[in-house]
Amino acid sequence: MISLSPGSLPLGIGLRYLAAKRRNHFISFISASSMVGMTLGVAVLILVLSVMNGFDRELRERILGMVPHGVLYEAGGIKDWKALGEEVKAYPGVASVAPLTRLQGMIGHGGSVKGVLVTGVDPEVEPDVSILPNHIKTGALDELQPGKYRVLLGDLLARRLGVEVGDRVTLMLPEATLSPAGVLPRVKRLTVAGTFSVGAELDANLAVVNLVDAGKLGRQKGDAQALRIRFDNLFDAPDMIWKLVNGLDGYYSGSDWTRTHGNLFAAIRMEKTMIGLLLLIIVAVAAFNIISTLVMVVTDKQADIAILRTMGAKPRTIMLIFMVQGLSIGLVGVLLGTTLGIIAALNISSVVAWAEQTFGFQILNADVYFISYLPSQLQWSDVGIVTSASLLLSFLATLYPSWRASRVQPAEALRYE
């Protein structure tokens, strides 16, 4: 009998089997393909999840930078929005507030008519709750002076109407007005003061006017129709709005971004999960190749196993030897894949931009999508999940072949040697 060290012997023999040149080149090929498959699977999974995170970030910053986190309504309109705003800002979690008035109507120019959501804002405080000032292409937010009836149009809306700065557009509101000629819609001529570009959906149906002008157009009572609220954490908006509605004195109602755009972000999260699960199949295939490799190695090393058993190696030691070999293949593949995936995720935006400039093509058209570049945001939590799942699959892949190796009987294995 020989003295065996259960800790060092399986590790030494397992690594030696991994590095040794095998007589059966097909086994070496399957082993190499397992490692390459694991590397590619992990790298692609990290890269795709980072791109999905990038799109989620851009949607959150751009669309929710324009869409209110929360809106507080008072019966009959907000009579004194500044006083109410000071009261609301006293609540923990509220970052800033601004007045808001919304009107729905049709806007036309030169025979073209489009549906539009007219938003009345206060140019002085709007930068506190919106990213609009950072995305104005022409003109300026300060040009929306009360009584001038000037309007900022979304870039897509302006192009579809064929208007530029200084042109006049016609706004038609659904509220009817009685006149000697009959019932007529309310109509007002507005001057285009500029354009903005934040996202495809908003750029096609949003118009911004001064708060005072919007109040006159809507014949509202009070300073504003509602109070727009930006929270420190936008995902707290549903609970915070509920607290404000129930905590403030008066008759208030509220709404938050999850009612208008919640489905969009839920769809992105579901899409990220489904794509992650589908790409995990690549890693599972690589893990299955590890099973194939170890099964063939066990068959090829029957005599070695029998000799080790006759020298005193226990079934547990034999099992650990082949688990070390399989886990080594998986570990090397996961480490290489993680490294490549992180490098690719951190540089994919610049690489795609270089390719577009060099070869003269565009992956994302700004007229169709809300951004014109491929975003990427690496999250270490995703890296940890992908790495852990891949290592777990590699470990599970080693169990059955290693168990088969531990069941080899020395007499049967050496009979034909």
Foldseek 3Di string as FASTA:
>chain_A
DDDDDLVPVLLVLLVCVLPDDDPDVVLVVLLVVLLQLLLQLLQVLLQVLQLLVFVLVLCCCQVCLAPFLKWKFAVQAAADQVVVQVVLVVDPFFQGKFFKAWAWWWKADPPDIDTAIEIAGALVCSVSRHCFQVFFDAAGSVVQDPPQQAKEAQPQQCVRRVDAQFDKMKTWGPDWDQDPVGTDTDIDIYGYRGYGARWQVCSNHYMYHHQNVSCVSVVGHHSHRIMGTDGPDSVCSVVSQVCCCVPDPHHMDMDGPCVPCVVVSVVSVVVSVVVSVVSVVSLLVSLLSLLVSLLVVLVVCLQVLLVCVVVPDALVSLLSSQLSNLLVSLVSSLVSSLVSNVVCLVCVQVVQVVVCVVVVHFDDDVNVTSDRTRTGHRDVVSSVVSSVVSSVSSNVSSRVSSNVSSPRHSCVSPVVD
